[in-house]
N, C-alpha and C. Protein backbone atom coordinates (compact mmCIF):
# COMPACT_ATOMS: atom_id res chain seq x y z
N MET A 1 109.42 94.38 119.52
CA MET A 1 109.62 96.20 118.92
C MET A 1 109.88 95.96 117.68
N THR A 2 109.05 97.25 117.22
CA THR A 2 108.44 97.91 115.99
C THR A 2 110.38 99.00 115.06
N PHE A 3 110.61 98.47 113.73
CA PHE A 3 112.26 99.22 113.48
C PHE A 3 111.37 100.45 113.02
N ARG A 4 112.35 101.72 113.71
CA ARG A 4 112.10 103.12 113.37
C ARG A 4 112.38 103.09 111.77
N HIS A 5 111.95 103.19 110.19
CA HIS A 5 112.51 104.01 109.80
C HIS A 5 112.40 105.51 109.04
N GLU A 6 114.13 105.99 108.58
CA GLU A 6 114.24 107.30 108.79
C GLU A 6 113.75 107.68 107.13
N SER A 7 113.70 108.09 106.54
CA SER A 7 114.13 108.91 105.17
C SER A 7 115.37 110.07 105.50
N LYS A 8 116.37 109.23 104.73
CA LYS A 8 117.44 110.01 104.61
C LYS A 8 117.69 110.54 103.54
N SER A 9 117.31 110.88 102.41
CA SER A 9 117.02 112.16 101.24
C SER A 9 116.15 111.94 101.06
N ARG A 10 115.65 112.42 100.46
CA ARG A 10 114.04 112.91 98.92
C ARG A 10 115.22 113.77 97.85
N GLU A 11 114.27 112.88 97.17
CA GLU A 11 114.65 113.61 94.92
C GLU A 11 113.34 114.38 94.52
N LEU A 12 113.03 114.63 94.24
CA LEU A 12 111.93 115.91 93.58
C LEU A 12 112.57 114.55 92.80
N ARG A 13 110.87 114.67 91.61
CA ARG A 13 110.83 114.13 90.85
C ARG A 13 110.21 114.37 89.33
N TYR A 14 108.90 114.93 90.39
CA TYR A 14 107.65 115.67 89.78
C TYR A 14 106.73 116.81 90.33
N GLU A 15 106.56 117.66 89.82
CA GLU A 15 105.91 118.28 90.34
C GLU A 15 104.77 119.01 89.97
N GLY A 16 103.08 118.29 90.27
CA GLY A 16 102.17 118.95 89.43
C GLY A 16 101.23 119.83 90.40
N PRO A 17 99.72 119.91 89.77
CA PRO A 17 99.15 120.73 90.45
C PRO A 17 98.22 119.70 91.61
N ILE A 18 98.18 118.12 91.21
CA ILE A 18 97.71 117.95 91.84
C ILE A 18 98.07 117.24 92.53
N PHE A 19 99.72 116.79 92.26
CA PHE A 19 100.49 115.48 93.40
C PHE A 19 102.08 115.88 92.80
N SER A 20 102.39 115.37 93.25
CA SER A 20 104.90 115.83 93.53
C SER A 20 104.23 113.91 93.96
N VAL A 21 105.93 114.52 92.95
CA VAL A 21 106.35 112.52 93.25
C VAL A 21 107.78 112.60 93.63
N TYR A 22 107.73 111.77 94.83
CA TYR A 22 109.52 111.71 95.87
C TYR A 22 110.26 110.34 95.30
N THR A 23 111.62 110.57 94.59
CA THR A 23 111.81 109.43 95.52
C THR A 23 112.90 109.43 97.02
N ASP A 24 112.99 108.58 97.64
CA ASP A 24 113.52 108.94 99.46
C ASP A 24 113.98 107.71 99.40
N GLU A 25 115.31 107.70 100.00
CA GLU A 25 116.17 106.78 100.50
C GLU A 25 116.03 106.56 102.20
N VAL A 26 115.83 105.22 102.33
CA VAL A 26 115.03 105.01 103.74
C VAL A 26 115.76 103.92 104.03
N THR A 27 115.85 103.76 105.77
CA THR A 27 116.17 103.20 106.02
C THR A 27 115.11 101.88 106.00
N MET A 28 116.15 100.40 106.68
CA MET A 28 115.85 99.56 106.52
C MET A 28 116.06 98.33 107.24
N SER A 29 114.87 97.55 108.31
CA SER A 29 115.03 97.18 109.44
C SER A 29 116.16 95.82 108.83
N SER A 30 116.35 95.48 108.26
CA SER A 30 117.69 94.55 107.57
C SER A 30 119.66 95.60 107.55
N GLY A 31 119.36 96.92 108.55
CA GLY A 31 120.01 97.64 108.47
C GLY A 31 120.59 98.37 107.33
N GLY A 32 120.62 98.33 105.54
CA GLY A 32 120.69 98.78 104.27
C GLY A 32 119.88 99.72 104.36
N THR A 33 119.59 100.66 103.37
CA THR A 33 118.76 101.43 102.86
C THR A 33 117.79 101.42 101.89
N ALA A 34 116.97 101.36 101.35
CA ALA A 34 116.41 100.70 99.82
C ALA A 34 115.82 102.24 99.38
N HIS A 35 115.33 102.81 98.27
CA HIS A 35 114.67 103.52 97.30
C HIS A 35 113.74 103.64 97.38
N ARG A 36 112.20 104.14 97.57
CA ARG A 36 110.48 103.97 97.62
C ARG A 36 110.38 105.35 96.79
N ASP A 37 110.04 105.45 96.27
CA ASP A 37 109.49 106.15 95.31
C ASP A 37 107.68 106.69 95.88
N VAL A 38 107.48 107.69 96.21
CA VAL A 38 106.48 108.80 96.91
C VAL A 38 105.67 109.40 96.69
N VAL A 39 104.09 109.34 96.51
CA VAL A 39 103.08 110.41 95.81
C VAL A 39 102.29 111.03 96.32
N LEU A 40 103.14 112.52 96.91
CA LEU A 40 102.52 113.58 98.04
C LEU A 40 101.24 114.41 96.68
N ASN A 41 99.84 114.11 97.70
CA ASN A 41 99.27 114.80 96.86
C ASN A 41 98.00 115.69 98.04
N LYS A 42 97.19 116.10 97.92
CA LYS A 42 96.38 117.40 98.26
C LYS A 42 95.20 115.98 99.34
N ASN A 43 95.05 114.95 99.02
CA ASN A 43 93.81 114.36 100.38
C ASN A 43 92.75 114.68 99.99
N ALA A 44 91.79 113.87 99.89
CA ALA A 44 90.57 113.55 99.70
C ALA A 44 89.47 114.03 100.87
N VAL A 45 88.46 113.70 100.61
CA VAL A 45 86.61 113.56 101.49
C VAL A 45 85.62 112.72 100.71
N GLY A 46 85.25 112.07 101.28
CA GLY A 46 84.18 111.22 100.32
C GLY A 46 82.66 111.76 101.46
N ILE A 47 81.92 111.05 100.24
CA ILE A 47 80.16 110.82 100.88
C ILE A 47 78.99 109.68 100.98
N VAL A 48 78.67 109.00 102.07
CA VAL A 48 77.83 108.31 101.46
C VAL A 48 76.82 109.15 102.13
N ALA A 49 76.18 109.34 101.08
CA ALA A 49 74.56 110.26 101.35
C ALA A 49 72.95 109.26 101.54
N LEU A 50 72.75 109.29 102.42
CA LEU A 50 72.04 108.48 102.84
C LEU A 50 70.53 108.96 103.30
N ASP A 51 69.51 108.56 102.34
CA ASP A 51 68.18 109.10 102.45
C ASP A 51 67.17 108.15 103.51
N GLU A 52 65.96 108.58 103.51
CA GLU A 52 65.71 108.25 105.03
C GLU A 52 64.53 107.35 105.15
N VAL A 53 64.84 106.34 103.41
CA VAL A 53 64.84 105.13 102.79
C VAL A 53 66.01 104.57 102.64
N GLY A 54 67.09 104.58 103.64
CA GLY A 54 68.01 103.75 103.22
C GLY A 54 68.48 103.79 102.09
N ARG A 55 68.90 104.07 100.86
CA ARG A 55 68.77 104.58 99.91
C ARG A 55 70.40 105.66 99.41
N VAL A 56 71.11 104.73 98.50
CA VAL A 56 72.22 105.95 98.51
C VAL A 56 72.70 105.76 97.55
N VAL A 57 73.40 107.76 97.50
CA VAL A 57 73.77 108.26 95.95
C VAL A 57 75.12 108.03 95.35
N LEU A 58 74.90 107.70 94.11
CA LEU A 58 76.07 107.15 93.76
C LEU A 58 76.69 107.88 92.26
N ILE A 59 77.15 108.01 92.24
CA ILE A 59 78.05 108.79 90.78
C ILE A 59 78.44 108.15 90.03
N LYS A 60 78.49 108.23 88.16
CA LYS A 60 79.28 107.42 87.11
C LYS A 60 80.31 108.61 86.73
N GLN A 61 81.28 108.71 86.88
CA GLN A 61 82.41 109.66 86.26
C GLN A 61 83.38 109.02 86.21
N TYR A 62 83.49 109.14 84.68
CA TYR A 62 84.89 109.00 83.91
C TYR A 62 86.32 108.96 84.40
N ARG A 63 86.98 107.30 84.51
CA ARG A 63 88.55 108.21 85.48
C ARG A 63 89.70 107.84 84.41
N HIS A 64 89.94 108.83 83.28
CA HIS A 64 91.03 108.42 82.71
C HIS A 64 92.58 107.55 82.96
N PRO A 65 92.42 107.42 84.18
CA PRO A 65 93.43 106.69 84.30
C PRO A 65 93.60 105.22 83.90
N VAL A 66 92.29 104.25 84.32
CA VAL A 66 92.00 103.62 83.84
C VAL A 66 90.88 102.76 82.91
N GLY A 67 90.54 104.04 82.26
CA GLY A 67 89.87 104.59 81.14
C GLY A 67 88.64 103.51 81.01
N ALA A 68 87.63 103.88 81.54
CA ALA A 68 86.18 103.59 82.21
C ALA A 68 85.55 105.04 83.48
N TYR A 69 84.80 104.45 82.51
CA TYR A 69 83.27 105.09 84.15
C TYR A 69 82.90 104.26 85.23
N LEU A 70 83.13 104.92 86.30
CA LEU A 70 83.45 104.20 87.75
C LEU A 70 82.47 104.60 88.38
N TRP A 71 81.52 103.54 89.03
CA TRP A 71 80.35 103.92 90.34
C TRP A 71 81.27 104.20 91.85
N GLU A 72 80.66 105.48 91.79
CA GLU A 72 82.11 105.86 93.15
C GLU A 72 80.45 107.05 93.36
N LEU A 73 81.94 107.50 95.06
CA LEU A 73 80.72 107.92 95.83
C LEU A 73 80.86 110.06 95.64
N PRO A 74 80.03 110.82 95.74
CA PRO A 74 80.98 111.64 95.11
C PRO A 74 81.80 111.80 96.39
N ALA A 75 82.71 112.75 96.03
CA ALA A 75 83.86 113.14 96.55
C ALA A 75 85.13 113.97 95.65
N GLY A 76 86.06 114.42 96.53
CA GLY A 76 86.39 115.47 95.71
C GLY A 76 87.77 115.38 96.94
N LEU A 77 89.08 115.81 95.97
CA LEU A 77 90.04 116.15 97.21
C LEU A 77 90.70 117.92 97.44
N ARG A 78 90.72 117.95 98.25
CA ARG A 78 90.84 119.21 99.61
C ARG A 78 91.93 120.49 99.32
N ASP A 79 91.26 120.58 97.79
CA ASP A 79 91.97 121.77 97.50
C ASP A 79 91.87 122.99 97.62
N VAL A 80 90.84 123.93 98.41
CA VAL A 80 90.39 124.69 98.91
C VAL A 80 91.12 125.13 100.13
N ALA A 81 92.19 125.54 99.58
CA ALA A 81 93.08 125.97 101.06
C ALA A 81 92.56 126.50 102.35
N GLY A 82 93.12 125.99 103.85
CA GLY A 82 92.34 126.07 104.43
C GLY A 82 91.02 126.05 104.75
N GLU A 83 89.74 125.20 103.88
CA GLU A 83 88.91 124.06 103.91
C GLU A 83 88.98 123.33 104.97
N ASP A 84 88.10 123.42 106.44
CA ASP A 84 87.73 122.59 107.61
C ASP A 84 87.15 121.66 105.93
N PRO A 85 88.08 119.89 107.13
CA PRO A 85 87.16 118.62 105.84
C PRO A 85 85.63 118.74 105.26
N LEU A 86 84.90 119.12 106.40
CA LEU A 86 83.34 118.68 106.08
C LEU A 86 83.16 119.34 105.64
N VAL A 87 83.30 120.87 105.39
CA VAL A 87 82.98 122.09 104.34
C VAL A 87 83.77 121.96 102.81
N GLY A 88 84.57 120.88 102.93
CA GLY A 88 84.97 120.93 101.58
C GLY A 88 83.31 119.69 101.39
N ALA A 89 83.58 118.08 102.10
CA ALA A 89 82.31 116.90 101.97
C ALA A 89 81.30 117.70 101.14
N ALA A 90 80.86 119.05 102.14
CA ALA A 90 79.28 119.08 101.41
C ALA A 90 79.58 120.18 100.65
N ARG A 91 79.81 120.28 100.54
CA ARG A 91 80.38 121.46 98.94
C ARG A 91 80.67 120.10 98.00
N GLU A 92 81.55 118.82 97.73
CA GLU A 92 81.49 118.11 96.98
C GLU A 92 79.97 117.41 97.23
N LEU A 93 79.09 117.37 97.50
CA LEU A 93 77.72 117.09 98.11
C LEU A 93 77.01 117.56 96.60
N GLY A 94 76.97 119.46 97.12
CA GLY A 94 76.01 120.14 96.28
C GLY A 94 76.96 120.39 94.10
N GLU A 95 78.29 119.72 94.99
CA GLU A 95 78.40 119.60 92.76
C GLU A 95 78.21 118.37 92.79
N GLU A 96 78.41 117.93 93.07
CA GLU A 96 78.66 116.37 92.61
C GLU A 96 76.86 115.95 92.53
N ALA A 97 76.10 116.17 93.47
CA ALA A 97 75.10 115.23 93.52
C ALA A 97 73.79 116.56 94.10
N ASP A 98 73.93 117.32 94.16
CA ASP A 98 72.45 118.27 93.98
C ASP A 98 72.08 118.01 95.28
N LEU A 99 73.17 117.96 95.98
CA LEU A 99 72.25 117.87 97.71
C LEU A 99 72.84 118.58 98.63
N ARG A 100 72.34 118.85 100.19
CA ARG A 100 72.64 119.11 100.90
C ARG A 100 72.36 118.29 102.25
N ALA A 101 73.23 117.79 103.07
CA ALA A 101 72.26 117.45 104.26
C ALA A 101 72.32 118.50 105.21
N ALA A 102 71.75 117.84 106.32
CA ALA A 102 71.80 118.40 107.79
C ALA A 102 72.53 117.72 108.80
N ARG A 103 72.53 116.38 108.63
CA ARG A 103 72.95 116.19 109.75
C ARG A 103 74.23 114.87 109.19
N TRP A 104 75.98 115.11 109.60
CA TRP A 104 77.32 114.77 109.05
C TRP A 104 77.35 113.97 110.34
N ASP A 105 78.05 112.09 109.83
CA ASP A 105 79.22 112.11 111.00
C ASP A 105 80.25 111.90 109.98
N LEU A 106 80.85 111.11 110.68
CA LEU A 106 82.17 109.88 110.60
C LEU A 106 81.90 108.29 110.17
N LEU A 107 82.30 108.62 109.06
CA LEU A 107 82.48 106.80 108.89
C LEU A 107 84.05 106.19 109.17
N ILE A 108 84.71 106.56 108.17
CA ILE A 108 85.99 105.97 108.18
C ILE A 108 87.56 107.64 107.67
N ASP A 109 88.37 106.29 107.89
CA ASP A 109 89.16 107.48 107.33
C ASP A 109 89.84 106.23 106.56
N LEU A 110 90.58 106.31 105.03
CA LEU A 110 91.58 105.34 104.77
C LEU A 110 92.72 105.88 104.12
N HIS A 111 94.04 105.03 103.78
CA HIS A 111 94.95 106.00 102.89
C HIS A 111 94.65 104.55 101.84
N THR A 112 94.47 105.42 100.76
CA THR A 112 94.24 105.31 99.49
C THR A 112 95.32 103.77 99.08
N SER A 113 96.23 104.10 98.69
CA SER A 113 97.16 103.48 98.54
C SER A 113 98.68 103.48 99.03
N PRO A 114 98.82 102.86 100.45
CA PRO A 114 99.77 102.81 100.86
C PRO A 114 100.64 102.74 100.54
N GLY A 115 101.69 101.86 99.84
CA GLY A 115 102.06 100.97 98.96
C GLY A 115 103.31 102.32 98.66
N PHE A 116 102.57 103.23 97.63
CA PHE A 116 103.26 104.43 97.31
C PHE A 116 102.83 105.77 97.55
N SER A 117 101.41 106.18 98.04
CA SER A 117 101.03 106.86 98.18
C SER A 117 100.78 107.44 99.69
N ALA A 118 100.74 108.76 99.93
CA ALA A 118 100.07 109.70 101.21
C ALA A 118 98.59 109.67 101.09
N GLU A 119 98.41 109.42 99.45
CA GLU A 119 96.70 109.99 100.22
C GLU A 119 95.77 109.99 101.17
N THR A 120 95.74 110.37 101.49
CA THR A 120 94.06 110.21 102.66
C THR A 120 92.56 110.19 102.19
N ILE A 121 91.84 109.76 102.04
CA ILE A 121 90.52 110.13 101.83
C ILE A 121 90.12 109.90 102.98
N ARG A 122 88.70 111.29 103.88
CA ARG A 122 87.54 111.09 104.92
C ARG A 122 86.55 110.73 104.26
N ILE A 123 85.15 109.64 104.79
CA ILE A 123 84.34 109.37 104.19
C ILE A 123 83.34 109.58 105.45
N TYR A 124 82.75 110.44 105.18
CA TYR A 124 81.81 110.98 106.48
C TYR A 124 79.92 110.12 105.63
N LEU A 125 79.23 110.67 106.98
CA LEU A 125 77.97 109.77 105.98
C LEU A 125 76.69 111.18 106.35
N ALA A 126 76.31 111.38 105.03
CA ALA A 126 75.39 112.96 105.47
C ALA A 126 74.04 112.03 104.96
N ARG A 127 73.32 112.30 106.36
CA ARG A 127 71.85 112.50 106.72
C ARG A 127 70.69 113.80 106.23
N ASP A 128 69.51 113.05 106.70
CA ASP A 128 68.26 114.71 106.50
C ASP A 128 68.85 115.11 105.32
N LEU A 129 68.75 114.82 104.08
CA LEU A 129 68.85 115.82 103.07
C LEU A 129 68.31 116.43 101.70
N SER A 130 68.37 116.90 101.37
CA SER A 130 67.91 117.91 101.06
C SER A 130 68.35 118.33 99.16
N PRO A 131 67.16 118.55 98.53
CA PRO A 131 68.27 119.10 97.13
C PRO A 131 68.21 120.57 97.16
N VAL A 132 69.60 120.95 96.69
CA VAL A 132 70.15 121.98 96.28
C VAL A 132 68.91 122.85 95.18
N PRO A 133 68.43 123.90 95.40
CA PRO A 133 67.92 124.97 94.93
C PRO A 133 68.53 124.92 93.26
N SER A 134 67.66 125.04 91.97
CA SER A 134 67.85 124.84 90.75
C SER A 134 69.36 126.15 90.30
N SER A 135 68.38 126.88 90.73
CA SER A 135 68.93 128.61 90.36
C SER A 135 70.81 128.11 91.41
N GLU A 136 71.00 127.25 92.31
CA GLU A 136 71.78 127.25 93.35
C GLU A 136 73.33 126.37 93.40
N ARG A 137 72.57 125.33 91.57
CA ARG A 137 73.14 124.15 91.49
C ARG A 137 74.52 124.56 90.60
N HIS A 138 75.72 123.88 91.36
CA HIS A 138 76.66 124.52 89.95
C HIS A 138 76.83 123.31 88.74
N THR A 139 78.07 124.24 88.58
CA THR A 139 78.27 123.41 86.58
C THR A 139 78.89 122.58 86.50
N ARG A 140 78.48 121.36 86.06
CA ARG A 140 79.74 120.83 86.24
C ARG A 140 80.76 120.62 84.77
N GLU A 141 81.58 120.66 85.11
CA GLU A 141 82.41 120.43 83.18
C GLU A 141 83.93 119.16 83.13
N GLU A 142 84.41 119.33 82.16
CA GLU A 142 85.46 118.49 82.29
C GLU A 142 84.52 116.74 82.16
N GLU A 143 84.98 116.21 83.35
CA GLU A 143 84.98 114.57 83.67
C GLU A 143 83.38 114.79 84.85
N GLU A 144 82.90 115.79 85.02
CA GLU A 144 82.07 116.19 86.06
C GLU A 144 80.62 116.32 85.09
N ALA A 145 81.14 116.32 83.55
CA ALA A 145 79.76 116.79 82.74
C ALA A 145 78.96 116.36 82.39
N ASP A 146 79.51 114.73 81.89
CA ASP A 146 78.17 113.95 82.15
C ASP A 146 78.13 112.68 83.53
N ILE A 147 78.51 112.81 84.42
CA ILE A 147 78.44 112.65 85.72
C ILE A 147 76.89 111.76 85.40
N GLU A 148 76.69 110.34 85.34
CA GLU A 148 76.07 110.08 86.48
C GLU A 148 75.53 109.89 87.53
N ILE A 149 73.70 110.24 88.19
CA ILE A 149 73.36 110.45 89.49
C ILE A 149 72.26 109.36 89.66
N VAL A 150 72.02 108.52 90.22
CA VAL A 150 71.62 107.35 90.89
C VAL A 150 71.41 107.20 92.77
N TRP A 151 70.24 107.04 92.61
CA TRP A 151 69.86 105.90 94.58
C TRP A 151 69.97 104.48 93.84
N VAL A 152 70.94 104.06 94.91
CA VAL A 152 70.39 102.47 94.77
C VAL A 152 70.49 102.43 96.43
N GLU A 153 69.76 101.03 97.15
CA GLU A 153 69.59 100.34 98.22
C GLU A 153 71.26 100.66 99.11
N LEU A 154 70.99 100.74 99.66
CA LEU A 154 71.95 100.39 100.14
C LEU A 154 72.71 99.02 100.27
N ASP A 155 72.17 97.65 100.86
CA ASP A 155 72.56 96.85 100.19
C ASP A 155 72.78 95.94 99.27
N GLU A 156 71.45 97.41 97.84
CA GLU A 156 72.23 97.01 96.61
C GLU A 156 73.30 97.04 96.18
N ALA A 157 73.93 98.43 96.88
CA ALA A 157 75.42 98.99 96.48
C ALA A 157 76.30 97.98 96.93
N LEU A 158 75.91 97.49 97.96
CA LEU A 158 76.93 95.82 98.82
C LEU A 158 77.07 94.88 97.97
N ALA A 159 75.81 94.80 97.13
CA ALA A 159 76.09 93.57 96.33
C ALA A 159 76.54 93.76 94.97
N MET A 160 76.26 95.09 94.33
CA MET A 160 77.18 95.95 93.49
C MET A 160 78.82 95.70 93.79
N ILE A 161 79.46 96.04 95.04
CA ILE A 161 80.74 95.52 95.11
C ILE A 161 80.77 93.99 95.40
N LEU A 162 79.88 93.23 95.50
CA LEU A 162 80.25 91.43 95.07
C LEU A 162 80.40 91.26 93.95
N ARG A 163 80.19 91.69 92.73
CA ARG A 163 79.13 91.34 91.70
C ARG A 163 80.64 92.29 91.25
N GLY A 164 81.92 93.15 91.51
CA GLY A 164 82.37 94.35 90.98
C GLY A 164 82.36 94.92 90.23
N GLU A 165 81.33 95.67 90.26
CA GLU A 165 80.48 97.08 89.56
C GLU A 165 81.00 97.93 90.34
N ILE A 166 80.86 97.67 91.35
CA ILE A 166 81.59 98.93 92.49
C ILE A 166 82.78 98.55 92.42
N THR A 167 84.49 99.01 91.59
CA THR A 167 85.74 99.32 92.42
C THR A 167 86.21 100.45 92.93
N ASN A 168 86.06 101.63 93.13
CA ASN A 168 86.36 102.29 93.47
C ASN A 168 86.87 102.30 95.64
N ALA A 169 88.00 102.22 95.78
CA ALA A 169 88.53 101.71 96.83
C ALA A 169 87.74 102.33 98.31
N ALA A 170 86.89 104.00 98.02
CA ALA A 170 87.15 105.05 98.64
C ALA A 170 85.92 104.13 98.81
N ALA A 171 84.75 104.33 97.64
CA ALA A 171 83.22 103.67 97.75
C ALA A 171 83.35 102.67 98.18
N VAL A 172 83.90 101.85 98.01
CA VAL A 172 83.94 99.86 98.60
C VAL A 172 84.03 99.96 100.26
N GLY A 173 85.01 101.21 100.94
CA GLY A 173 85.01 101.05 101.65
C GLY A 173 83.77 101.55 102.90
N GLY A 174 83.60 103.10 102.01
CA GLY A 174 82.14 103.94 102.47
C GLY A 174 81.49 102.91 103.07
N LEU A 175 80.83 102.40 101.59
CA LEU A 175 80.24 101.40 101.73
C LEU A 175 79.90 100.32 102.60
N LEU A 176 80.45 99.15 102.72
CA LEU A 176 80.87 98.63 103.62
C LEU A 176 80.66 99.57 104.80
N ALA A 177 81.84 100.31 105.20
CA ALA A 177 81.04 101.46 106.52
C ALA A 177 79.84 101.89 106.70
N ALA A 178 79.20 102.62 105.99
CA ALA A 178 77.34 102.43 106.63
C ALA A 178 77.14 101.52 106.89
N ALA A 179 77.29 100.36 106.29
CA ALA A 179 76.06 99.28 105.62
C ALA A 179 76.27 98.74 107.67
N ARG A 180 78.15 98.74 107.83
CA ARG A 180 78.25 98.37 109.44
C ARG A 180 77.09 99.02 110.19
N ALA A 181 77.72 100.43 110.31
CA ALA A 181 76.98 101.12 111.19
C ALA A 181 76.39 101.08 111.28
N ARG A 182 74.98 101.02 109.50
CA ARG A 182 73.89 100.81 110.12
C ARG A 182 73.23 99.65 110.78
N ASP A 183 74.18 98.17 110.79
CA ASP A 183 73.26 97.32 111.35
C ASP A 183 74.11 97.24 112.92
N ASP A 184 74.46 98.08 113.10
CA ASP A 184 75.18 98.00 114.48
C ASP A 184 74.09 99.43 115.29
N GLY A 185 73.28 100.40 114.40
CA GLY A 185 72.06 100.77 115.12
C GLY A 185 73.27 102.50 115.07
N TRP A 186 73.94 103.10 114.53
CA TRP A 186 74.79 103.92 114.66
C TRP A 186 75.44 104.05 115.44
N ALA A 187 76.15 102.58 116.32
CA ALA A 187 77.28 103.33 117.57
C ALA A 187 78.67 103.82 117.11
N THR A 188 78.60 103.02 115.78
CA THR A 188 79.90 103.52 115.89
C THR A 188 80.53 104.41 114.99
N LEU A 189 79.49 105.43 114.50
CA LEU A 189 79.92 106.84 114.08
C LEU A 189 80.59 107.52 114.87
N ARG A 190 81.27 108.00 114.14
CA ARG A 190 82.43 108.83 115.28
C ARG A 190 82.14 110.86 114.73
N PRO A 191 82.18 111.48 115.98
CA PRO A 191 81.80 113.31 115.53
C PRO A 191 82.85 113.22 114.26
N VAL A 192 82.43 114.11 113.46
CA VAL A 192 82.86 115.21 112.76
C VAL A 192 84.45 115.85 113.38
N ASP A 193 84.43 116.20 114.19
CA ASP A 193 85.50 116.58 114.08
C ASP A 193 87.18 116.06 114.51
N THR A 194 86.50 114.35 114.43
CA THR A 194 88.06 113.59 115.51
C THR A 194 88.83 113.44 114.38
N PRO A 195 90.29 114.23 115.03
CA PRO A 195 91.60 115.11 114.05
C PRO A 195 92.08 113.82 112.46
N LEU A 196 92.03 113.71 111.93
CA LEU A 196 92.46 113.68 111.08
C LEU A 196 94.18 112.70 111.05
N LEU A 197 94.19 112.00 110.36
CA LEU A 197 94.97 110.80 109.97
C LEU A 197 96.36 111.68 109.42
N GLY A 198 97.55 111.32 109.93
CA GLY A 198 99.11 111.68 110.10
C GLY A 198 99.14 113.29 109.95
């Protein structure tokens, strides 16, 4: 039998434009309570964009919390009110990789760091790719201004993970899922309208 943990109270510690931090008092299976800090944010989408010869798009972007440029998938927050996650994914693919996709499938859903955050990211597989026309391309600003975009064989991207060159959790999960789906003849892909986590 699984113990049902319940929140007895919640105190707001910080509220910002991207996330909020709360301290919850939670019932524990030992019979007492404990305080747990929880980060709530807008959740995210990510895209494994795969071309007809088996290459994926990777972007290298500066991430201030770790003070480094990281190899990642095109991805972004679900920060447009009421926007369908797939529409957001298509928007992010265009903004960060200058690509459109005619075919979309669901790869995986991830809890990115459930020890303290409720964040989820939905990772899609995008295929039948075409470039966004130059006149319609998004103007990248701030950290996105110097994004590096590369095409890498999917198996080489897996090797980059194992060499420690790709450490972004969503990229690791998405690339591994894409490789497994490919090896299974795409039978494990799910419809894009599969209900979201939580």
